[in-house]
């Protein structure tokens, strides 16, 4: 909880900003193939 509060305080605490950030990260995740574990690059 404290870490989440610190992040909100530092990087924007409004619910709208949080929703926009989550949407952006969701799009980045989808663009990366929706994979949690990516293959190791040689």
Protein backbone atom coordinates (compact mmCIF):
# COMPACT_ATOMS: atom_id res chain seq x y z
CA UNK A 1 0.00 0.00 0.00
CA UNK A 2 2.69 2.50 0.89
CA UNK A 3 4.53 1.86 -2.37
CA UNK A 4 1.32 2.45 -4.36
CA UNK A 5 0.66 5.66 -2.44
CA UNK A 6 4.21 6.88 -3.07
CA UNK A 7 3.90 6.17 -6.78
CA UNK A 8 0.57 7.98 -7.01
CA UNK A 9 1.96 10.95 -5.12
CA UNK A 10 5.05 11.14 -7.33
CA UNK A 11 3.58 10.30 -10.74
CA UNK A 12 0.02 11.56 -10.60
CA UNK A 13 -2.73 10.56 -8.29
CA UNK A 14 -5.94 11.15 -10.18
CA UNK A 15 -7.97 8.10 -11.16
CA UNK A 16 -8.14 9.40 -14.74
CA UNK A 17 -4.33 9.54 -14.99
CA UNK A 18 -4.08 6.04 -13.56
CA UNK A 19 -6.63 4.72 -16.06
CA UNK A 20 -4.76 6.36 -18.95
CA UNK A 21 -1.49 4.85 -17.76
CA UNK A 22 -3.02 1.39 -17.44
CA UNK A 23 -4.52 1.68 -20.92
CA UNK A 24 -1.15 2.65 -22.35
CA UNK A 25 0.61 -0.25 -20.63
CA UNK A 26 -2.10 -2.63 -21.80
CA UNK A 27 -1.50 -1.53 -25.40
CA UNK A 28 2.27 -1.97 -24.98
CA UNK A 29 1.70 -5.45 -23.56
CA UNK A 30 -0.58 -6.39 -26.47
CA UNK A 31 1.95 -5.04 -28.97
CA UNK A 32 4.58 -7.28 -27.37
CA UNK A 33 2.50 -10.38 -28.04
CA UNK A 34 0.59 -10.65 -24.72
CA UNK A 35 3.40 -12.77 -23.31
CA UNK A 36 4.57 -12.48 -19.72
CA UNK A 37 7.83 -14.30 -20.36
CA UNK A 38 9.70 -13.21 -23.47
CA UNK A 39 12.37 -15.37 -25.12
CA UNK A 40 15.96 -14.57 -24.29
CA UNK A 41 17.70 -12.76 -27.12
CA UNK A 42 21.04 -14.23 -28.19
